[in-house]
Amino acid sequence: MSEKVLSPEFVERRVRSIAKLSTLPFIAVKVMELVENPRTSASKLCDIISADQVLAARILKLANSAYYGFPRKISTLNLAIVVLGFNALRDLVLSISVIDQFNVDEESNLRLEQFWRHALIVGRGARLLARYLNYPVIGEVFVAGLLHDIGYLVLIQQFPDNFRLAYDYAKEKEISFNEAETIKLGYSHNVLGAWLAEGWNLPGKLVQAIRYHHSPEKSFQNQELVHIIHLADLLSYSIDEGSGFNDPREASVPNIENIIKQMFPRNRYPISFYQNKFREESEKIKDFLNILKNRS
């Protein structure tokens, strides 16, 4: 295969134009905005979401799924919002919206189910870490975790030849995909993801978390959030719930233990505690993900 590599400048322009064309739905953006406002009521959120009947139906289905395990049937969207809580609702709306944006060909080398499992486990696992590590704004952590690898999908959907070039090189040299991207393409999925997030006008702290989740030491802003996403990513890999492009050296137990010790001195738990929590999330993800992906 000929090595026709697109310049980083061309790719950046293309990704930013894609972001304008595939912007997050108005409802998702509005829900994120309303949840941050302490004066928002459940009825106001219900009015916004009800404008999209398919979205409302999927949220009701998720609320009644085994994932949440509520003892009685939730029959109305308003009740679902009250029972789930505003933060969980925002997470659901954003998850549905992001998954709907990327209909990557199932024949591609990326296994979508594995990718979204990893994204959801990192998002939900990061939220758990945030609680245990006393991070002040837990709601934004899930969003950062869900989107941390979104650049993979941009690369595969928009630049498949470049993806294949980096993928083959990583296999040949037995290095991480992230290293191979940088060497062969001059940019990596985390940079593509950050460009997309900027194009979607997401908050700067989320852009930082996406861009630096493989190299948190390079982030000079919102470092705690970036490190939480980095740690959640590695913990997911450590329980064999990765996206398929990881560096095994990074996800080794000694390396993760060292990161926890250095970056989170307030931590009181061993790595096995967090791994077990992540496994609990992974066991519940399958049915939840099927509902998220099913538009009917």
C-alpha atoms as a PDB file:
ATOM      1  CA  MET A   1       0.000   0.000   0.000  1.00  0.00           C
ATOM      2  CA  SER A   2       1.398   3.459  -0.864  1.00  0.00           C
ATOM      3  CA  GLU A   3       2.013   5.743   2.086  1.00  0.00           C
ATOM      4  CA  LYS A   4      -0.173   8.704   1.157  1.00  0.00           C
ATOM      5  CA  VAL A   5      -0.176  10.628   4.410  1.00  0.00           C
ATOM      6  CA  LEU A   6      -2.371  13.696   4.738  1.00  0.00           C
ATOM      7  CA  SER A   7      -0.758  16.704   6.377  1.00  0.00           C
ATOM      8  CA  PRO A   8      -1.795  17.585   9.941  1.00  0.00           C
ATOM      9  CA  GLU A   9      -2.954  20.996   8.681  1.00  0.00           C
ATOM     10  CA  PHE A  10      -5.289  19.430   6.115  1.00  0.00           C
ATOM     11  CA  VAL A  11      -6.622  16.932   8.646  1.00  0.00           C
ATOM     12  CA  GLU A  12      -7.282  19.660  11.221  1.00  0.00           C
ATOM     13  CA  ARG A  13      -9.263  21.727   8.701  1.00  0.00           C
ATOM     14  CA  ARG A  14     -11.234  18.644   7.694  1.00  0.00           C
ATOM     15  CA  VAL A  15     -12.047  17.620  11.276  1.00  0.00           C
ATOM     16  CA  ARG A  16     -13.172  21.116  12.220  1.00  0.00           C
ATOM     17  CA  SER A  17     -15.433  21.246   9.176  1.00  0.00           C
ATOM     18  CA  ILE A  18     -16.824  17.805  10.102  1.00  0.00           C
ATOM     19  CA  ALA A  19     -17.587  19.110  13.588  1.00  0.00           C
ATOM     20  CA  LYS A  20     -19.685  21.906  12.106  1.00  0.00           C
ATOM     21  CA  LEU A  21     -21.622  19.445   9.948  1.00  0.00           C
ATOM     22  CA  SER A  22     -22.067  16.782  12.653  1.00  0.00           C
ATOM     23  CA  THR A  23     -22.655  19.055  15.592  1.00  0.00           C
ATOM     24  CA  LEU A  24     -24.254  17.554  18.675  1.00  0.00           C
ATOM     25  CA  PRO A  25     -28.051  17.748  18.505  1.00  0.00           C
ATOM     26  CA  PHE A  26     -29.633  20.866  19.969  1.00  0.00           C
ATOM     27  CA  ILE A  27     -31.439  18.773  22.580  1.00  0.00           C
ATOM     28  CA  ALA A  28     -28.194  17.254  23.894  1.00  0.00           C
ATOM     29  CA  VAL A  29     -26.524  20.664  24.142  1.00  0.00           C
ATOM     30  CA  LYS A  30     -29.594  22.155  25.835  1.00  0.00           C
ATOM     31  CA  VAL A  31     -29.851  19.301  28.349  1.00  0.00           C
ATOM     32  CA  MET A  32     -26.163  19.714  29.270  1.00  0.00           C
ATOM     33  CA  GLU A  33     -26.764  23.435  29.766  1.00  0.00           C
ATOM     34  CA  LEU A  34     -29.938  22.988  31.827  1.00  0.00           C
ATOM     35  CA  VAL A  35     -28.447  20.356  34.136  1.00  0.00           C
ATOM     36  CA  GLU A  36     -25.728  22.853  35.121  1.00  0.00           C
ATOM     37  CA  ASN A  37     -28.415  25.359  36.162  1.00  0.00           C
ATOM     38  CA  PRO A  38     -29.616  24.728  39.755  1.00  0.00           C
ATOM     39  CA  ARG A  39     -32.964  26.384  38.940  1.00  0.00           C
ATOM     40  CA  THR A  40     -33.840  23.834  36.241  1.00  0.00           C
ATOM     41  CA  SER A  41     -36.917  21.702  36.948  1.00  0.00           C
ATOM     42  CA  ALA A  42     -37.701  18.145  35.874  1.00  0.00           C
ATOM     43  CA  SER A  43     -40.669  19.444  33.886  1.00  0.00           C
ATOM     44  CA  LYS A  44     -38.409  21.799  31.910  1.00  0.00           C
ATOM     45  CA  LEU A  45     -36.075  18.934  30.993  1.00  0.00           C
ATOM     46  CA  CYS A  46     -39.089  16.809  30.114  1.00  0.00           C
ATOM     47  CA  ASP A  47     -40.368  19.507  27.738  1.00  0.00           C
ATOM     48  CA  ILE A  48     -37.016  19.706  25.936  1.00  0.00           C
ATOM     49  CA  ILE A  49     -36.525  15.937  25.559  1.00  0.00           C
ATOM     50  CA  SER A  50     -40.139  15.293  24.571  1.00  0.00           C
ATOM     51  CA  ALA A  51     -39.495  17.239  21.367  1.00  0.00           C
ATOM     52  CA  ASP A  52     -37.650  14.131  20.149  1.00  0.00           C
ATOM     53  CA  GLN A  53     -40.029  11.205  20.630  1.00  0.00           C
ATOM     54  CA  VAL A  54     -37.451   8.585  19.671  1.00  0.00           C
ATOM     55  CA  LEU A  55     -34.967   9.958  22.208  1.00  0.00           C
ATOM     56  CA  ALA A  56     -37.674  10.072  24.885  1.00  0.00           C
ATOM     57  CA  ALA A  57     -38.627   6.446  24.183  1.00  0.00           C
ATOM     58  CA  ARG A  58     -35.013   5.287  24.443  1.00  0.00           C
ATOM     59  CA  ILE A  59     -34.563   7.066  27.772  1.00  0.00           C
ATOM     60  CA  LEU A  60     -37.706   5.401  29.110  1.00  0.00           C
ATOM     61  CA  LYS A  61     -36.428   2.026  27.921  1.00  0.00           C
ATOM     62  CA  LEU A  62     -33.074   2.609  29.616  1.00  0.00           C
ATOM     63  CA  ALA A  63     -34.753   3.716  32.831  1.00  0.00           C
ATOM     64  CA  ASN A  64     -36.672   0.416  32.886  1.00  0.00           C
ATOM     65  CA  SER A  65     -33.636  -1.707  32.009  1.00  0.00           C
ATOM     66  CA  ALA A  66     -31.907  -4.148  34.334  1.00  0.00           C
ATOM     67  CA  TYR A  67     -28.964  -1.746  34.450  1.00  0.00           C
ATOM     68  CA  TYR A  68     -30.833   0.525  36.863  1.00  0.00           C
ATOM     69  CA  GLY A  69     -32.963  -2.187  38.450  1.00  0.00           C
ATOM     70  CA  PHE A  70     -35.796   0.002  39.690  1.00  0.00           C
ATOM     71  CA  PRO A  71     -38.440  -2.125  41.472  1.00  0.00           C
ATOM     72  CA  ARG A  72     -41.446  -0.709  39.608  1.00  0.00           C
ATOM     73  CA  LYS A  73     -42.123   0.222  35.999  1.00  0.00           C
ATOM     74  CA  ILE A  74     -41.380   3.819  35.049  1.00  0.00           C
ATOM     75  CA  SER A  75     -44.165   4.805  32.684  1.00  0.00           C
ATOM     76  CA  THR A  76     -43.544   8.510  32.022  1.00  0.00           C
ATOM     77  CA  LEU A  77     -40.539  10.555  30.972  1.00  0.00           C
ATOM     78  CA  ASN A  78     -41.099  13.008  33.808  1.00  0.00           C
ATOM     79  CA  LEU A  79     -40.931  10.188  36.368  1.00  0.00           C
ATOM     80  CA  ALA A  80     -37.832   8.781  34.660  1.00  0.00           C
ATOM     81  CA  ILE A  81     -36.100  12.146  35.030  1.00  0.00           C
ATOM     82  CA  VAL A  82     -37.024  12.365  38.712  1.00  0.00           C
ATOM     83  CA  VAL A  83     -35.955   8.791  39.468  1.00  0.00           C
ATOM     84  CA  LEU A  84     -32.755   8.801  37.417  1.00  0.00           C
ATOM     85  CA  GLY A  85     -31.654  12.246  38.521  1.00  0.00           C
ATOM     86  CA  PHE A  86     -30.445  15.100  36.339  1.00  0.00           C
ATOM     87  CA  ASN A  87     -26.824  13.948  36.077  1.00  0.00           C
ATOM     88  CA  ALA A  88     -27.743  10.430  34.940  1.00  0.00           C
ATOM     89  CA  LEU A  89     -30.199  11.914  32.463  1.00  0.00           C
ATOM     90  CA  ARG A  90     -27.524  14.161  30.982  1.00  0.00           C
ATOM     91  CA  ASP A  91     -25.180  11.179  30.667  1.00  0.00           C
ATOM     92  CA  LEU A  92     -27.845   9.172  28.830  1.00  0.00           C
ATOM     93  CA  VAL A  93     -28.754  11.972  26.427  1.00  0.00           C
ATOM     94  CA  LEU A  94     -25.108  12.647  25.618  1.00  0.00           C
ATOM     95  CA  SER A  95     -24.323   8.933  25.205  1.00  0.00           C
ATOM     96  CA  ILE A  96     -27.202   8.444  22.776  1.00  0.00           C
ATOM     97  CA  SER A  97     -26.310  11.597  20.834  1.00  0.00           C
ATOM     98  CA  VAL A  98     -22.618  10.747  20.467  1.00  0.00           C
ATOM     99  CA  ILE A  99     -23.240   7.122  19.475  1.00  0.00           C
ATOM    100  CA  ASP A 100     -25.760   8.275  16.869  1.00  0.00           C
ATOM    101  CA  GLN A 101     -23.163  10.615  15.344  1.00  0.00           C
ATOM    102  CA  PHE A 102     -20.818   7.783  14.379  1.00  0.00           C
ATOM    103  CA  ASN A 103     -22.276   5.035  12.235  1.00  0.00           C
ATOM    104  CA  VAL A 104     -18.974   3.410  11.348  1.00  0.00           C
ATOM    105  CA  ASP A 105     -19.177   0.475   8.938  1.00  0.00           C
ATOM    106  CA  GLU A 106     -19.396  -2.737  10.933  1.00  0.00           C
ATOM    107  CA  GLU A 107     -16.958  -4.300   8.459  1.00  0.00           C
ATOM    108  CA  SER A 108     -14.219  -1.911   9.551  1.00  0.00           C
ATOM    109  CA  ASN A 109     -11.310  -3.035  11.660  1.00  0.00           C
ATOM    110  CA  LEU A 110     -12.734  -1.262  14.637  1.00  0.00           C
ATOM    111  CA  ARG A 111     -15.096  -3.414  16.622  1.00  0.00           C
ATOM    112  CA  LEU A 112     -17.751  -0.887  17.540  1.00  0.00           C
ATOM    113  CA  GLU A 113     -19.172  -2.869  20.422  1.00  0.00           C
ATOM    114  CA  GLN A 114     -15.749  -3.106  22.020  1.00  0.00           C
ATOM    115  CA  PHE A 115     -15.071   0.589  21.403  1.00  0.00           C
ATOM    116  CA  TRP A 116     -18.314   1.774  23.012  1.00  0.00           C
ATOM    117  CA  ARG A 117     -17.984  -0.685  25.897  1.00  0.00           C
ATOM    118  CA  HIS A 118     -14.580   0.786  26.629  1.00  0.00           C
ATOM    119  CA  ALA A 119     -15.865   4.370  26.305  1.00  0.00           C
ATOM    120  CA  LEU A 120     -18.765   3.736  28.689  1.00  0.00           C
ATOM    121  CA  ILE A 121     -16.649   1.833  31.199  1.00  0.00           C
ATOM    122  CA  VAL A 122     -14.066   4.621  31.226  1.00  0.00           C
ATOM    123  CA  GLY A 123     -16.828   7.219  31.622  1.00  0.00           C
ATOM    124  CA  ARG A 124     -18.640   5.443  34.419  1.00  0.00           C
ATOM    125  CA  GLY A 125     -15.398   4.251  36.010  1.00  0.00           C
ATOM    126  CA  ALA A 126     -13.989   7.776  35.939  1.00  0.00           C
ATOM    127  CA  ARG A 127     -17.093   8.983  37.748  1.00  0.00           C
ATOM    128  CA  LEU A 128     -16.462   6.395  40.469  1.00  0.00           C
ATOM    129  CA  LEU A 129     -12.830   7.483  40.736  1.00  0.00           C
ATOM    130  CA  ALA A 130     -13.929  11.099  41.011  1.00  0.00           C
ATOM    131  CA  ARG A 131     -16.081  10.263  44.024  1.00  0.00           C
ATOM    132  CA  TYR A 132     -13.347   8.323  45.800  1.00  0.00           C
ATOM    133  CA  LEU A 133     -10.730  10.974  44.982  1.00  0.00           C
ATOM    134  CA  ASN A 134     -13.010  13.857  46.003  1.00  0.00           C
ATOM    135  CA  TYR A 135     -13.054  15.550  42.611  1.00  0.00           C
ATOM    136  CA  PRO A 136     -15.439  18.528  42.956  1.00  0.00           C
ATOM    137  CA  VAL A 137     -17.418  18.336  39.665  1.00  0.00           C
ATOM    138  CA  ILE A 138     -18.335  14.690  39.143  1.00  0.00           C
ATOM    139  CA  GLY A 139     -20.807  15.300  36.303  1.00  0.00           C
ATOM    140  CA  GLU A 140     -18.197  16.426  33.774  1.00  0.00           C
ATOM    141  CA  VAL A 141     -16.038  13.349  34.417  1.00  0.00           C
ATOM    142  CA  PHE A 142     -18.417  10.942  32.682  1.00  0.00           C
ATOM    143  CA  VAL A 143     -18.555  13.140  29.588  1.00  0.00           C
ATOM    144  CA  ALA A 144     -14.751  13.313  29.375  1.00  0.00           C
ATOM    145  CA  GLY A 145     -14.482   9.534  29.764  1.00  0.00           C
ATOM    146  CA  LEU A 146     -17.140   8.811  27.156  1.00  0.00           C
ATOM    147  CA  LEU A 147     -15.432  11.046  24.595  1.00  0.00           C
ATOM    148  CA  HIS A 148     -11.759  10.395  25.403  1.00  0.00           C
ATOM    149  CA  ASP A 149     -11.169   8.126  22.373  1.00  0.00           C
ATOM    150  CA  ILE A 150     -13.623   9.739  19.955  1.00  0.00           C
ATOM    151  CA  GLY A 151     -10.704  10.623  17.671  1.00  0.00           C
ATOM    152  CA  TYR A 152     -10.422   6.929  16.752  1.00  0.00           C
ATOM    153  CA  LEU A 153     -13.822   7.092  15.123  1.00  0.00           C
ATOM    154  CA  VAL A 154     -12.948  10.290  13.282  1.00  0.00           C
ATOM    155  CA  LEU A 155      -9.781   8.652  11.957  1.00  0.00           C
ATOM    156  CA  ILE A 156     -11.515   5.470  10.860  1.00  0.00           C
ATOM    157  CA  GLN A 157     -14.565   7.141   9.357  1.00  0.00           C
ATOM    158  CA  GLN A 158     -12.854  10.044   7.614  1.00  0.00           C
ATOM    159  CA  PHE A 159      -9.271   8.882   7.014  1.00  0.00           C
ATOM    160  CA  PRO A 160      -9.397   5.071   6.690  1.00  0.00           C
ATOM    161  CA  ASP A 161      -6.168   4.770   4.675  1.00  0.00           C
ATOM    162  CA  ASN A 162      -4.226   6.676   7.296  1.00  0.00           C
ATOM    163  CA  PHE A 163      -5.804   4.547  10.015  1.00  0.00           C
ATOM    164  CA  ARG A 164      -4.699   1.354   8.246  1.00  0.00           C
ATOM    165  CA  LEU A 165      -1.180   2.734   7.775  1.00  0.00           C
ATOM    166  CA  ALA A 166      -0.782   3.467  11.486  1.00  0.00           C
ATOM    167  CA  TYR A 167      -2.511   0.230  12.510  1.00  0.00           C
ATOM    168  CA  ASP A 168      -0.199  -1.926  10.376  1.00  0.00           C
ATOM    169  CA  TYR A 169       2.860  -0.052  11.585  1.00  0.00           C
ATOM    170  CA  ALA A 170       1.871  -0.560  15.241  1.00  0.00           C
ATOM    171  CA  LYS A 171       1.497  -4.303  14.624  1.00  0.00           C
ATOM    172  CA  GLU A 172       4.758  -4.520  12.701  1.00  0.00           C
ATOM    173  CA  LYS A 173       6.829  -2.643  15.299  1.00  0.00           C
ATOM    174  CA  GLU A 174       4.869  -3.953  18.311  1.00  0.00           C
ATOM    175  CA  ILE A 175       4.273  -0.463  19.644  1.00  0.00           C
ATOM    176  CA  SER A 176       1.145   1.309  20.831  1.00  0.00           C
ATOM    177  CA  PHE A 177      -1.248   2.666  18.223  1.00  0.00           C
ATOM    178  CA  ASN A 178      -0.789   6.122  19.724  1.00  0.00           C
ATOM    179  CA  GLU A 179       2.971   5.977  19.021  1.00  0.00           C
ATOM    180  CA  ALA A 180       2.378   4.650  15.509  1.00  0.00           C
ATOM    181  CA  GLU A 181      -0.069   7.460  14.701  1.00  0.00           C
ATOM    182  CA  THR A 182       2.426  10.110  15.734  1.00  0.00           C
ATOM    183  CA  ILE A 183       5.328   8.508  13.850  1.00  0.00           C
ATOM    184  CA  LYS A 184       3.507   7.735  10.598  1.00  0.00           C
ATOM    185  CA  LEU A 185       0.853  10.460  10.464  1.00  0.00           C
ATOM    186  CA  GLY A 186       2.175  13.362  12.503  1.00  0.00           C
ATOM    187  CA  TYR A 187      -0.933  13.489  14.681  1.00  0.00           C
ATOM    188  CA  SER A 188      -2.829  11.089  16.935  1.00  0.00           C
ATOM    189  CA  HIS A 189      -6.432  10.192  17.741  1.00  0.00           C
ATOM    190  CA  ASN A 190      -6.401  12.254  20.932  1.00  0.00           C
ATOM    191  CA  VAL A 191      -5.551  15.394  18.911  1.00  0.00           C
ATOM    192  CA  LEU A 192      -8.305  14.605  16.374  1.00  0.00           C
ATOM    193  CA  GLY A 193     -10.754  14.106  19.222  1.00  0.00           C
ATOM    194  CA  ALA A 194      -9.777  17.448  20.753  1.00  0.00           C
ATOM    195  CA  TRP A 195     -10.292  19.222  17.415  1.00  0.00           C
ATOM    196  CA  LEU A 196     -13.747  17.647  17.139  1.00  0.00           C
ATOM    197  CA  ALA A 197     -14.655  18.614  20.709  1.00  0.00           C
ATOM    198  CA  GLU A 198     -13.574  22.199  20.043  1.00  0.00           C
ATOM    199  CA  GLY A 199     -15.706  22.213  16.904  1.00  0.00           C
ATOM    200  CA  TRP A 200     -18.638  21.059  19.027  1.00  0.00           C
ATOM    201  CA  ASN A 201     -17.967  23.983  21.398  1.00  0.00           C
ATOM    202  CA  LEU A 202     -17.495  21.697  24.363  1.00  0.00           C
ATOM    203  CA  PRO A 203     -15.900  23.221  27.490  1.00  0.00           C
ATOM    204  CA  GLY A 204     -12.140  23.660  27.450  1.00  0.00           C
ATOM    205  CA  LYS A 205     -11.604  21.248  30.331  1.00  0.00           C
ATOM    206  CA  LEU A 206     -13.219  18.431  28.299  1.00  0.00           C
ATOM    207  CA  VAL A 207     -11.039  19.294  25.303  1.00  0.00           C
ATOM    208  CA  GLN A 208      -7.975  19.097  27.569  1.00  0.00           C
ATOM    209  CA  ALA A 209      -9.013  15.701  28.953  1.00  0.00           C
ATOM    210  CA  ILE A 210      -9.475  14.282  25.449  1.00  0.00           C
ATOM    211  CA  ARG A 211      -6.221  15.725  24.116  1.00  0.00           C
ATOM    212  CA  TYR A 212      -3.984  14.652  26.984  1.00  0.00           C
ATOM    213  CA  HIS A 213      -5.521  11.415  28.254  1.00  0.00           C
ATOM    214  CA  HIS A 214      -2.410   9.515  27.119  1.00  0.00           C
ATOM    215  CA  SER A 215       0.026  12.148  28.384  1.00  0.00           C
ATOM    216  CA  PRO A 216      -1.513  13.953  31.376  1.00  0.00           C
ATOM    217  CA  GLU A 217       1.858  15.408  32.345  1.00  0.00           C
ATOM    218  CA  LYS A 218       1.622  17.682  29.266  1.00  0.00           C
ATOM    219  CA  SER A 219      -1.595  19.287  30.410  1.00  0.00           C
ATOM    220  CA  PHE A 220      -1.148  22.578  32.240  1.00  0.00           C
ATOM    221  CA  GLN A 221      -4.838  23.093  32.957  1.00  0.00           C
ATOM    222  CA  ASN A 222      -7.473  20.931  34.668  1.00  0.00           C
ATOM    223  CA  GLN A 223      -4.764  18.420  35.543  1.00  0.00           C
ATOM    224  CA  GLU A 224      -6.852  16.490  38.063  1.00  0.00           C
ATOM    225  CA  LEU A 225      -9.590  15.797  35.504  1.00  0.00           C
ATOM    226  CA  VAL A 226      -7.015  14.766  32.882  1.00  0.00           C
ATOM    227  CA  HIS A 227      -5.326  12.390  35.328  1.00  0.00           C
ATOM    228  CA  ILE A 228      -8.645  10.830  36.348  1.00  0.00           C
ATOM    229  CA  ILE A 229      -9.452  10.044  32.695  1.00  0.00           C
ATOM    230  CA  HIS A 230      -5.921   8.707  32.149  1.00  0.00           C
ATOM    231  CA  LEU A 231      -6.244   6.457  35.197  1.00  0.00           C
ATOM    232  CA  ALA A 232      -9.742   5.270  34.251  1.00  0.00           C
ATOM    233  CA  ASP A 233      -8.483   4.425  30.759  1.00  0.00           C
ATOM    234  CA  LEU A 234      -5.621   2.319  32.155  1.00  0.00           C
ATOM    235  CA  LEU A 235      -7.839   0.595  34.729  1.00  0.00           C
ATOM    236  CA  SER A 236     -10.249  -0.369  31.954  1.00  0.00           C
ATOM    237  CA  TYR A 237      -7.375  -1.907  29.986  1.00  0.00           C
ATOM    238  CA  SER A 238      -6.132  -3.687  33.103  1.00  0.00           C
ATOM    239  CA  ILE A 239      -9.400  -5.665  33.312  1.00  0.00           C
ATOM    240  CA  ASP A 240      -9.293  -6.484  29.567  1.00  0.00           C
ATOM    241  CA  GLU A 241     -11.884  -3.885  28.613  1.00  0.00           C
ATOM    242  CA  GLY A 242      -9.754  -1.813  26.245  1.00  0.00           C
ATOM    243  CA  SER A 243     -10.550  -0.413  22.827  1.00  0.00           C
ATOM    244  CA  GLY A 244      -7.963  -2.700  21.228  1.00  0.00           C
ATOM    245  CA  PHE A 245      -5.210  -0.151  20.649  1.00  0.00           C
ATOM    246  CA  ASN A 246      -3.493  -0.002  24.025  1.00  0.00           C
ATOM    247  CA  ASP A 247       0.115  -0.329  25.101  1.00  0.00           C
ATOM    248  CA  PRO A 248       0.282  -3.274  27.573  1.00  0.00           C
ATOM    249  CA  ARG A 249       3.206  -1.632  29.361  1.00  0.00           C
ATOM    250  CA  GLU A 250       1.060   1.364  30.277  1.00  0.00           C
ATOM    251  CA  ALA A 251      -1.745  -0.793  31.663  1.00  0.00           C
ATOM    252  CA  SER A 252       0.518  -2.919  33.861  1.00  0.00           C
ATOM    253  CA  VAL A 253      -0.418  -3.094  37.527  1.00  0.00           C
ATOM    254  CA  PRO A 254       2.916  -1.626  38.772  1.00  0.00           C
ATOM    255  CA  ASN A 255       2.548   1.367  36.440  1.00  0.00           C
ATOM    256  CA  ILE A 256      -1.048   2.038  37.505  1.00  0.00           C
ATOM    257  CA  GLU A 257      -0.124   1.706  41.184  1.00  0.00           C
ATOM    258  CA  ASN A 258       2.675   4.208  40.664  1.00  0.00           C
ATOM    259  CA  ILE A 259       0.289   6.668  38.959  1.00  0.00           C
ATOM    260  CA  ILE A 260      -2.203   6.382  41.812  1.00  0.00           C
ATOM    261  CA  LYS A 261       0.538   6.941  44.382  1.00  0.00           C
ATOM    262  CA  GLN A 262       2.048   9.939  42.609  1.00  0.00           C
ATOM    263  CA  MET A 263      -1.041  11.737  41.404  1.00  0.00           C
ATOM    264  CA  PHE A 264      -3.613  10.939  44.085  1.00  0.00           C
ATOM    265  CA  PRO A 265      -1.908  10.970  47.499  1.00  0.00           C
ATOM    266  CA  ARG A 266      -5.331  11.133  49.180  1.00  0.00           C
ATOM    267  CA  ASN A 267      -6.190   7.708  47.783  1.00  0.00           C
ATOM    268  CA  ARG A 268      -6.945   5.088  50.435  1.00  0.00           C
ATOM    269  CA  TYR A 269      -7.604   1.991  48.317  1.00  0.00           C
ATOM    270  CA  PRO A 270      -5.446  -0.630  46.535  1.00  0.00           C
ATOM    271  CA  ILE A 271      -5.650  -1.062  42.762  1.00  0.00           C
ATOM    272  CA  SER A 272      -7.679  -4.260  43.208  1.00  0.00           C
ATOM    273  CA  PHE A 273     -10.472  -2.213  44.807  1.00  0.00           C
ATOM    274  CA  TYR A 274     -10.792  -0.036  41.709  1.00  0.00           C
ATOM    275  CA  GLN A 275     -10.447  -2.980  39.337  1.00  0.00           C
ATOM    276  CA  ASN A 276     -13.349  -4.731  41.072  1.00  0.00           C
ATOM    277  CA  LYS A 277     -15.487  -1.594  40.789  1.00  0.00           C
ATOM    278  CA  PHE A 278     -14.687  -1.372  37.069  1.00  0.00           C
ATOM    279  CA  ARG A 279     -15.557  -5.071  36.621  1.00  0.00           C
ATOM    280  CA  GLU A 280     -18.941  -4.439  38.239  1.00  0.00           C
ATOM    281  CA  GLU A 281     -19.589  -1.719  35.664  1.00  0.00           C
ATOM    282  CA  SER A 282     -18.428  -3.916  32.783  1.00  0.00           C
ATOM    283  CA  GLU A 283     -20.814  -6.716  33.777  1.00  0.00           C
ATOM    284  CA  LYS A 284     -23.788  -4.361  33.493  1.00  0.00           C
ATOM    285  CA  ILE A 285     -22.812  -2.638  30.251  1.00  0.00           C
ATOM    286  CA  LYS A 286     -23.985  -5.066  27.535  1.00  0.00           C
ATOM    287  CA  ASP A 287     -27.775  -4.620  27.712  1.00  0.00           C
ATOM    288  CA  PHE A 288     -27.329  -0.925  28.464  1.00  0.00           C
ATOM    289  CA  LEU A 289     -25.216  -0.490  25.327  1.00  0.00           C
ATOM    290  CA  ASN A 290     -27.676  -2.420  23.152  1.00  0.00           C
ATOM    291  CA  ILE A 291     -30.454  -0.032  24.150  1.00  0.00           C
ATOM    292  CA  LEU A 292     -28.230   2.988  23.574  1.00  0.00           C
ATOM    293  CA  LYS A 293     -27.439   1.823  20.038  1.00  0.00           C
ATOM    294  CA  ASN A 294     -30.970   0.784  19.104  1.00  0.00           C
ATOM    295  CA  ARG A 295     -32.851   3.671  17.524  1.00  0.00           C
ATOM    296  CA  SER A 296     -36.143   1.850  17.220  1.00  0.00           C
END
